Amino acid sequence: MGDGEPRVPTAIAVTSADMALPPQDERTLPAAVLQDVDRRPLEQVLAELQTLVDQHGHLIVVCSRAVPASVERRLHTVRALLETDRIALFRPPLPPLGIAVLARQLRQLASCDLSPGVLASAGRLLTHYLHAGALLGSVARLDHVPVTLKAHARSWVPGSQFGVVAHPAPQLVKIGSEAALHGPEFGTWLLVAKGQLPSDWVTGTLAPSWRVQGLREAALPAESAHWWGTGRLTEFCAYLPDLSVLYQLVTSVRQSACHWCGIDVIGDRCVFCSATPPAYEDGSRGGDRALGHRRDPALGHRRERRALTG
């Protein structure tokens, strides 16, 4: 991670203060908090984002799919009015705590010698290394993970609790002596955000079974109750904490230039202009040709190409 020439780091923004987690290390940059963008005057939000772009060159907004539709509309409106391709709106399919963790990982990487396009597309890569879930007191209103009729019925039994993983693959179990959730196959830390449900099972059973290397607590994001369908929950997310590992993951993937805007990216889609590579006669895509199949020394096993195309 060479220092190189002095540069202004790309800004990483979140849409509420509770999505701006405390720094993971001394190099973690602060998040830009775009508070109440759908409620403030349009001119004020325009000026705020223009200032961020002027100061940092590029802006990556990491946004939960649980935010009100008005927030997303306002962000797209501002981006269009500014007529700029230097603002990326990134909405990965993660629960709110996972979104906050991913935003912090990008804030860590923003201190490194990564170009804005590579940093933005790194978000899609790192999403596949997050294991995000929750302990729920009810799954009656859960619509982000498949719920069986039996589980729905059990939700009405007083005292029932459910362990759920929403990402990378859906899992749901009723908490009992044999309850278990499949976790990451590599070393992680676990971030726990307690809502209106004790976190004992998460910290006392799940964490040891996932062999986490560290345990941290955070405030529950305001969006979490809406995303999970209940306020009776404890949310958790297993993640890679070390900047050196994150950097190695990102830089081990081959880079290519976006065929539309020319910015350097990894993967098959530019997060800034949303262009995907053209298809060739052999059926491959430009992004496919740019991806390597190298072994990941950071985790000790190979990652598949699909990790960049989800």
Foldseek 3Di string as FASTA:
>chain_A
DDQPDDAAFEAEEEAAPQLFDDALDPQQDGHHYNYPLLPDDLVVSLVVVVVNCVRRVAYEYQYEPLDDPSVVVSVVVSCVVVVDLRYFYHYDHAFSNLSSVLSRLLSNCSSDPDDPQLSNLLSLLQQQQKWKWKKALAQCPADLADDDPVRNVCSPPPPWIWTWTNPPHTDIDIDDPPDADDDDPFEWEKEKAAFQEDCCCCVPPHCVVNVHPYYYYGHDDPSNCVNRVHRHMMIMMTHHSDSVLSVLVSVVWFWDADPPPRHIYAAQAGRSVRDGADADPVRDGPNVVRTDFDARPSGGGTDDNVSSVD
